[in-house]
N, C-alpha and C. Protein backbone atom coordinates (compact mmCIF):
# COMPACT_ATOMS: atom_id res chain seq x y z
N UNK A 1 -42.36 32.25 -115.90
CA UNK A 1 -41.61 31.97 -117.11
C UNK A 1 -40.37 31.17 -116.74
N UNK A 2 -40.18 30.04 -117.41
CA UNK A 2 -38.98 29.25 -117.13
C UNK A 2 -37.81 29.77 -117.97
N UNK A 3 -36.63 29.25 -117.71
CA UNK A 3 -35.42 29.77 -118.34
C UNK A 3 -35.43 29.56 -119.85
N UNK A 4 -36.04 28.49 -120.34
CA UNK A 4 -36.10 28.23 -121.78
C UNK A 4 -36.97 29.27 -122.47
N UNK A 5 -38.13 29.57 -121.90
CA UNK A 5 -39.00 30.60 -122.45
C UNK A 5 -38.29 31.96 -122.41
N UNK A 6 -37.58 32.23 -121.34
CA UNK A 6 -36.84 33.47 -121.21
C UNK A 6 -35.83 33.61 -122.34
N UNK A 7 -35.07 32.55 -122.57
CA UNK A 7 -34.03 32.56 -123.61
C UNK A 7 -34.65 32.71 -124.99
N UNK A 8 -35.75 32.02 -125.24
CA UNK A 8 -36.39 32.07 -126.55
C UNK A 8 -36.93 33.46 -126.87
N UNK A 9 -37.26 34.24 -125.83
CA UNK A 9 -37.83 35.57 -126.03
C UNK A 9 -36.83 36.69 -125.79
N UNK A 10 -35.59 36.36 -125.48
CA UNK A 10 -34.60 37.36 -125.12
C UNK A 10 -33.92 37.92 -126.37
N UNK A 11 -33.68 39.23 -126.37
CA UNK A 11 -32.99 39.87 -127.49
C UNK A 11 -31.48 39.61 -127.40
N UNK A 12 -30.80 39.79 -128.51
CA UNK A 12 -29.34 39.64 -128.52
C UNK A 12 -28.69 40.71 -127.65
N UNK A 13 -29.25 41.91 -127.62
CA UNK A 13 -28.71 42.98 -126.77
C UNK A 13 -28.75 42.58 -125.30
N UNK A 14 -29.85 41.98 -124.88
CA UNK A 14 -29.96 41.54 -123.48
C UNK A 14 -28.96 40.43 -123.20
N UNK A 15 -28.81 39.52 -124.15
CA UNK A 15 -27.81 38.45 -124.01
C UNK A 15 -26.42 39.04 -123.80
N UNK A 16 -26.07 40.02 -124.61
CA UNK A 16 -24.74 40.63 -124.51
C UNK A 16 -24.55 41.35 -123.18
N UNK A 17 -25.61 41.99 -122.67
CA UNK A 17 -25.53 42.65 -121.35
C UNK A 17 -25.30 41.61 -120.24
N UNK A 18 -26.07 40.52 -120.31
CA UNK A 18 -25.94 39.47 -119.29
C UNK A 18 -24.58 38.78 -119.39
N UNK A 19 -24.10 38.59 -120.61
CA UNK A 19 -22.78 37.97 -120.80
C UNK A 19 -21.70 38.85 -120.18
N UNK A 20 -21.78 40.14 -120.42
CA UNK A 20 -20.82 41.08 -119.84
C UNK A 20 -20.87 41.01 -118.31
N UNK A 21 -22.08 40.99 -117.76
CA UNK A 21 -22.25 40.93 -116.30
C UNK A 21 -21.68 39.63 -115.73
N UNK A 22 -21.92 38.52 -116.43
CA UNK A 22 -21.43 37.23 -115.95
C UNK A 22 -19.90 37.16 -116.02
N UNK A 23 -19.31 37.74 -117.06
CA UNK A 23 -17.87 37.66 -117.25
C UNK A 23 -17.08 38.62 -116.36
N UNK A 24 -17.62 39.82 -116.17
CA UNK A 24 -16.85 40.87 -115.49
C UNK A 24 -17.33 41.19 -114.08
N UNK A 25 -18.56 40.80 -113.75
CA UNK A 25 -19.10 41.15 -112.44
C UNK A 25 -19.63 42.57 -112.39
N UNK A 26 -19.74 43.20 -113.56
CA UNK A 26 -20.27 44.56 -113.66
C UNK A 26 -21.20 44.65 -114.85
N UNK A 27 -22.22 45.52 -114.74
CA UNK A 27 -23.06 45.81 -115.88
C UNK A 27 -22.27 46.67 -116.84
N UNK A 28 -22.66 46.72 -118.10
CA UNK A 28 -21.90 47.53 -119.06
C UNK A 28 -21.73 49.00 -118.63
N UNK A 29 -22.66 49.50 -117.83
CA UNK A 29 -22.57 50.89 -117.35
C UNK A 29 -21.55 51.03 -116.23
N UNK A 30 -21.07 49.92 -115.67
CA UNK A 30 -20.06 49.96 -114.63
C UNK A 30 -20.56 49.63 -113.23
N UNK A 31 -21.88 49.49 -113.06
CA UNK A 31 -22.42 49.14 -111.74
C UNK A 31 -22.07 47.70 -111.40
N UNK A 32 -21.74 47.47 -110.14
CA UNK A 32 -21.35 46.13 -109.69
C UNK A 32 -22.57 45.21 -109.66
N UNK A 33 -22.38 43.98 -110.11
CA UNK A 33 -23.42 42.96 -110.11
C UNK A 33 -23.29 42.15 -108.83
N UNK A 34 -24.40 41.96 -108.13
CA UNK A 34 -24.37 41.12 -106.93
C UNK A 34 -24.09 39.68 -107.32
N UNK A 35 -23.55 38.90 -106.39
CA UNK A 35 -23.16 37.52 -106.69
C UNK A 35 -24.35 36.69 -107.18
N UNK A 36 -25.51 36.86 -106.56
CA UNK A 36 -26.69 36.10 -107.00
C UNK A 36 -27.08 36.49 -108.42
N UNK A 37 -26.97 37.78 -108.75
CA UNK A 37 -27.27 38.23 -110.10
C UNK A 37 -26.26 37.67 -111.11
N UNK A 38 -24.99 37.63 -110.71
CA UNK A 38 -23.95 37.11 -111.59
C UNK A 38 -24.18 35.62 -111.85
N UNK A 39 -24.54 34.89 -110.81
CA UNK A 39 -24.83 33.46 -110.97
C UNK A 39 -26.01 33.23 -111.91
N UNK A 40 -27.06 34.03 -111.74
CA UNK A 40 -28.23 33.91 -112.62
C UNK A 40 -27.88 34.30 -114.05
N UNK A 41 -27.10 35.36 -114.20
CA UNK A 41 -26.69 35.79 -115.54
C UNK A 41 -25.90 34.69 -116.23
N UNK A 42 -25.02 34.02 -115.51
CA UNK A 42 -24.23 32.95 -116.09
C UNK A 42 -25.12 31.81 -116.57
N UNK A 43 -26.10 31.44 -115.77
CA UNK A 43 -27.03 30.36 -116.17
C UNK A 43 -27.81 30.75 -117.42
N UNK A 44 -28.27 31.99 -117.46
CA UNK A 44 -29.05 32.45 -118.61
C UNK A 44 -28.18 32.51 -119.86
N UNK A 45 -26.96 32.98 -119.72
CA UNK A 45 -26.03 33.06 -120.84
C UNK A 45 -25.74 31.67 -121.39
N UNK A 46 -25.51 30.71 -120.51
CA UNK A 46 -25.25 29.35 -120.95
C UNK A 46 -26.46 28.77 -121.68
N UNK A 47 -27.65 29.03 -121.17
CA UNK A 47 -28.86 28.53 -121.82
C UNK A 47 -29.05 29.20 -123.18
N UNK A 48 -28.78 30.49 -123.27
CA UNK A 48 -28.90 31.21 -124.54
C UNK A 48 -27.92 30.64 -125.56
N UNK A 49 -26.68 30.43 -125.13
CA UNK A 49 -25.68 29.88 -126.04
C UNK A 49 -26.08 28.50 -126.53
N UNK A 50 -26.64 27.71 -125.63
CA UNK A 50 -27.04 26.36 -126.00
C UNK A 50 -28.21 26.34 -126.97
N UNK A 51 -29.16 27.24 -126.77
CA UNK A 51 -30.39 27.22 -127.57
C UNK A 51 -30.32 28.07 -128.82
N UNK A 52 -29.55 29.15 -128.81
CA UNK A 52 -29.67 30.12 -129.90
C UNK A 52 -28.40 30.35 -130.70
N UNK A 53 -27.24 29.95 -130.19
CA UNK A 53 -26.00 30.22 -130.91
C UNK A 53 -25.43 28.94 -131.49
N UNK A 54 -24.84 29.05 -132.65
CA UNK A 54 -24.13 27.93 -133.27
C UNK A 54 -22.65 28.20 -133.03
N UNK A 55 -22.14 27.70 -131.92
CA UNK A 55 -20.80 28.03 -131.49
C UNK A 55 -19.75 27.24 -132.25
N UNK A 56 -18.63 27.92 -132.56
CA UNK A 56 -17.50 27.24 -133.19
C UNK A 56 -16.35 27.07 -132.20
N UNK A 57 -16.64 27.24 -130.93
CA UNK A 57 -15.62 27.10 -129.91
C UNK A 57 -15.36 25.62 -129.61
N UNK A 58 -14.18 25.34 -129.08
CA UNK A 58 -13.80 23.96 -128.78
C UNK A 58 -14.73 23.33 -127.75
N UNK A 59 -15.14 24.12 -126.77
CA UNK A 59 -15.99 23.63 -125.69
C UNK A 59 -17.19 24.55 -125.59
N UNK A 60 -18.37 23.99 -125.68
CA UNK A 60 -19.59 24.78 -125.57
C UNK A 60 -20.69 23.92 -124.97
N UNK A 61 -21.84 24.52 -124.75
CA UNK A 61 -22.99 23.81 -124.22
C UNK A 61 -23.96 23.58 -125.38
N UNK A 62 -24.31 22.34 -125.62
CA UNK A 62 -25.22 22.00 -126.71
C UNK A 62 -26.66 22.31 -126.36
N UNK A 63 -27.53 22.22 -127.36
CA UNK A 63 -28.95 22.52 -127.18
C UNK A 63 -29.61 21.59 -126.17
N UNK A 64 -29.04 20.41 -125.97
CA UNK A 64 -29.59 19.47 -125.00
C UNK A 64 -29.05 19.69 -123.60
N UNK A 65 -28.19 20.71 -123.43
CA UNK A 65 -27.62 21.02 -122.12
C UNK A 65 -26.33 20.28 -121.81
N UNK A 66 -25.89 19.44 -122.74
CA UNK A 66 -24.66 18.68 -122.53
C UNK A 66 -23.46 19.47 -123.06
N UNK A 67 -22.29 19.20 -122.49
CA UNK A 67 -21.07 19.84 -122.94
C UNK A 67 -20.66 19.23 -124.28
N UNK A 68 -20.36 20.10 -125.24
CA UNK A 68 -19.96 19.67 -126.58
C UNK A 68 -18.48 20.02 -126.75
N UNK A 69 -17.69 19.04 -127.13
CA UNK A 69 -16.28 19.29 -127.40
C UNK A 69 -16.00 18.93 -128.84
N UNK A 70 -15.00 19.58 -129.40
CA UNK A 70 -14.59 19.26 -130.75
C UNK A 70 -13.29 18.48 -130.70
N UNK A 71 -13.17 17.55 -131.64
CA UNK A 71 -11.95 16.76 -131.73
C UNK A 71 -10.84 17.60 -132.35
N UNK A 72 -9.63 17.11 -132.24
CA UNK A 72 -8.49 17.80 -132.84
C UNK A 72 -8.70 17.92 -134.36
N UNK A 73 -9.23 16.90 -134.97
CA UNK A 73 -9.48 16.91 -136.42
C UNK A 73 -10.50 17.99 -136.78
N UNK A 74 -11.57 18.09 -136.00
CA UNK A 74 -12.59 19.10 -136.27
C UNK A 74 -12.01 20.51 -136.12
N UNK A 75 -11.18 20.71 -135.08
CA UNK A 75 -10.57 22.02 -134.88
C UNK A 75 -9.61 22.36 -136.01
N UNK A 76 -8.82 21.38 -136.46
CA UNK A 76 -7.89 21.62 -137.57
C UNK A 76 -8.66 22.01 -138.83
N UNK A 77 -9.78 21.32 -139.08
CA UNK A 77 -10.59 21.64 -140.26
C UNK A 77 -11.13 23.06 -140.15
N UNK A 78 -11.64 23.42 -138.99
CA UNK A 78 -12.17 24.76 -138.79
C UNK A 78 -11.10 25.80 -139.02
N UNK A 79 -9.92 25.59 -138.43
CA UNK A 79 -8.85 26.58 -138.57
C UNK A 79 -8.27 26.61 -139.98
N UNK A 80 -8.27 25.49 -140.67
CA UNK A 80 -7.74 25.48 -142.04
C UNK A 80 -8.66 26.24 -142.99
N UNK A 81 -9.93 26.35 -142.64
CA UNK A 81 -10.88 27.08 -143.47
C UNK A 81 -10.77 28.59 -143.27
N UNK A 82 -10.11 29.01 -142.20
CA UNK A 82 -9.93 30.43 -141.94
C UNK A 82 -8.65 30.90 -142.60
N UNK A 83 -8.74 31.96 -143.37
CA UNK A 83 -7.56 32.47 -144.06
C UNK A 83 -6.90 33.63 -143.34
N UNK A 84 -7.54 34.15 -142.33
CA UNK A 84 -7.03 35.36 -141.70
C UNK A 84 -6.35 35.12 -140.35
N UNK A 85 -5.85 33.91 -140.12
CA UNK A 85 -5.15 33.64 -138.87
C UNK A 85 -3.65 33.63 -139.12
N UNK A 86 -2.89 33.93 -138.11
CA UNK A 86 -1.44 33.95 -138.22
C UNK A 86 -0.90 32.54 -138.31
N UNK A 87 0.08 32.35 -139.14
CA UNK A 87 0.74 31.05 -139.27
C UNK A 87 2.23 31.26 -139.08
N UNK A 88 2.83 30.41 -138.29
CA UNK A 88 4.25 30.50 -137.98
C UNK A 88 4.94 29.24 -138.51
N UNK A 89 5.25 29.25 -139.78
CA UNK A 89 5.80 28.05 -140.40
C UNK A 89 7.30 27.91 -140.17
N UNK A 90 7.99 28.98 -139.76
CA UNK A 90 9.44 28.93 -139.57
C UNK A 90 9.83 28.52 -138.15
N UNK A 91 8.90 28.14 -137.34
CA UNK A 91 9.23 27.77 -135.95
C UNK A 91 9.78 26.38 -135.86
């Protein structure tokens, strides 16, 4: 099974476990992740994000595997649509 097939068949729970392992170096239960496992988890997480998530982050990996960045205008539009963020107008 290649990484694309793996991602297409992977549950969101498994994605979240792998994401935690890639970010922290530990499984959610607290067991340490070996470096090779952490590297593999990171690759799988990136592939999952590219293929299955519609990210609103400034920098993400697109479905084609390329890095996607948002312009300042796109970020401003995104943030202006959110009503629950803090605004500091008196600064």
